[in-house]
Amino acid sequence: MEYTDVTPAEFDELDGLDDWHVVLDSIHATFAARNYLAAADLVHTIAEIAEAHVHHPDVELRYPGRVHVVLTTHATGGLTTLDIDVARAISAAAAEASAASDPST
């Protein structure tokens, strides 16, 4: 699989990633679903996205209906275009599931 490194400054210039923020060598997003079950459904969808991209984020399901996602490319120890592609797909799935981004967490 081909991908290129992305610096935090480059990440900040990219469109379509407002749900995500850089923390050290990874990007984080939290989505608020309408309830715990809806959040679990979103986790399942994220797992399907991860399998399709062969790139697996850390995902936490939190009460009362929050999903926290962390992406990094372990092979490079930082951000790559693969993280960007998966982040955009996750954000689209969250929007489709009416799970709002919660950048305060």
Protein backbone atom coordinates (compact mmCIF):
# COMPACT_ATOMS: atom_id res chain seq x y z
CA MET A 1 0.00 0.00 0.00
CA GLU A 2 1.37 3.40 -0.94
CA TYR A 3 1.08 6.48 1.22
CA THR A 4 3.09 9.56 2.06
CA ASP A 5 3.86 11.31 5.31
CA VAL A 6 1.75 14.28 6.39
CA THR A 7 3.04 16.85 8.88
CA PRO A 8 0.72 18.47 11.44
CA ALA A 9 1.04 21.76 9.54
CA GLU A 10 0.05 20.05 6.27
CA PHE A 11 -2.84 18.35 8.03
CA ASP A 12 -4.17 21.70 9.26
CA GLU A 13 -4.32 22.93 5.64
CA LEU A 14 -6.42 20.01 4.38
CA ASP A 15 -10.16 20.32 3.69
CA GLY A 16 -12.82 17.99 5.01
CA LEU A 17 -11.13 17.14 8.30
CA ASP A 18 -12.81 19.55 10.71
CA ASP A 19 -13.83 16.64 12.97
CA TRP A 20 -10.18 15.76 13.61
CA HIS A 21 -7.32 17.31 15.55
CA VAL A 22 -3.65 16.42 15.80
CA VAL A 23 -2.29 15.11 19.09
CA LEU A 24 1.41 14.23 18.90
CA ASP A 25 1.77 11.79 15.98
CA SER A 26 -1.91 10.93 15.59
CA ILE A 27 -5.29 12.45 14.78
CA HIS A 28 -8.27 12.21 17.12
CA ALA A 29 -12.01 12.67 16.72
CA THR A 30 -14.99 12.11 18.99
CA PHE A 31 -18.51 11.64 17.71
CA ALA A 32 -21.71 11.91 19.79
CA ALA A 33 -24.44 9.50 18.75
CA ARG A 34 -28.06 9.69 19.91
CA ASN A 35 -27.56 6.79 22.36
CA TYR A 36 -25.22 3.96 23.29
CA LEU A 37 -26.63 1.51 20.75
CA ALA A 38 -26.30 4.04 17.90
CA ALA A 39 -22.69 4.62 18.97
CA ALA A 40 -22.06 0.87 18.90
CA ASP A 41 -23.47 0.76 15.38
CA LEU A 42 -21.03 3.52 14.39
CA VAL A 43 -18.15 1.48 15.87
CA HIS A 44 -19.23 -1.42 13.66
CA THR A 45 -19.25 0.84 10.61
CA ILE A 46 -15.79 2.16 11.51
CA ALA A 47 -14.56 -1.44 11.72
CA GLU A 48 -15.88 -2.07 8.21
CA ILE A 49 -14.13 1.08 6.93
CA ALA A 50 -10.91 -0.05 8.61
CA GLU A 51 -11.08 -3.46 6.97
CA ALA A 52 -11.78 -1.93 3.55
CA HIS A 53 -8.73 0.34 3.88
CA VAL A 54 -6.58 -2.27 5.68
CA HIS A 55 -5.83 0.43 8.25
CA HIS A 56 -7.14 0.01 11.77
CA PRO A 57 -7.68 2.88 14.22
CA ASP A 58 -8.00 2.70 17.95
CA VAL A 59 -11.70 3.05 18.73
CA GLU A 60 -13.37 3.58 22.11
CA LEU A 61 -17.07 3.29 22.79
CA ARG A 62 -18.01 5.51 25.73
CA TYR A 63 -21.20 6.06 27.67
CA PRO A 64 -23.68 7.61 26.98
CA GLY A 65 -23.08 7.39 23.23
CA ARG A 66 -19.62 8.67 22.33
CA VAL A 67 -17.11 7.15 19.94
CA HIS A 68 -13.49 8.27 20.19
CA VAL A 69 -11.20 7.42 17.26
CA VAL A 70 -7.41 7.69 17.00
CA LEU A 71 -5.57 7.26 13.71
CA THR A 72 -1.84 6.97 13.09
CA THR A 73 0.29 4.95 10.71
CA HIS A 74 2.27 2.69 13.01
CA ALA A 75 4.70 1.71 10.23
CA THR A 76 5.92 5.30 9.98
CA GLY A 77 5.31 6.46 13.53
CA GLY A 78 3.20 9.39 12.37
CA LEU A 79 0.52 10.69 10.05
CA THR A 80 0.19 9.67 6.43
CA THR A 81 -2.23 10.08 3.57
CA LEU A 82 -3.72 6.72 4.60
CA ASP A 83 -4.83 8.27 7.90
CA ILE A 84 -6.39 11.15 5.98
CA ASP A 85 -8.34 8.81 3.70
CA VAL A 86 -9.68 6.76 6.60
CA ALA A 87 -10.50 9.88 8.65
CA ARG A 88 -12.58 11.30 5.80
CA ALA A 89 -14.44 7.99 5.40
CA ILE A 90 -15.13 7.82 9.16
CA SER A 91 -16.38 11.42 9.23
CA ALA A 92 -18.72 10.70 6.31
CA ALA A 93 -20.07 7.60 8.07
CA ALA A 94 -20.58 9.52 11.30
CA ALA A 95 -22.46 12.28 9.46
CA GLU A 96 -24.64 9.68 7.74
CA ALA A 97 -25.41 8.16 11.16
CA SER A 98 -26.25 11.62 12.56
CA ALA A 99 -23.36 11.33 15.03
CA ALA A 100 -22.14 14.88 15.53
CA SER A 101 -18.49 15.68 15.94
CA ASP A 102 -17.60 16.72 19.49
CA PRO A 103 -14.25 18.52 19.23
CA SER A 104 -14.35 19.53 22.90
CA THR A 105 -13.35 16.00 23.99
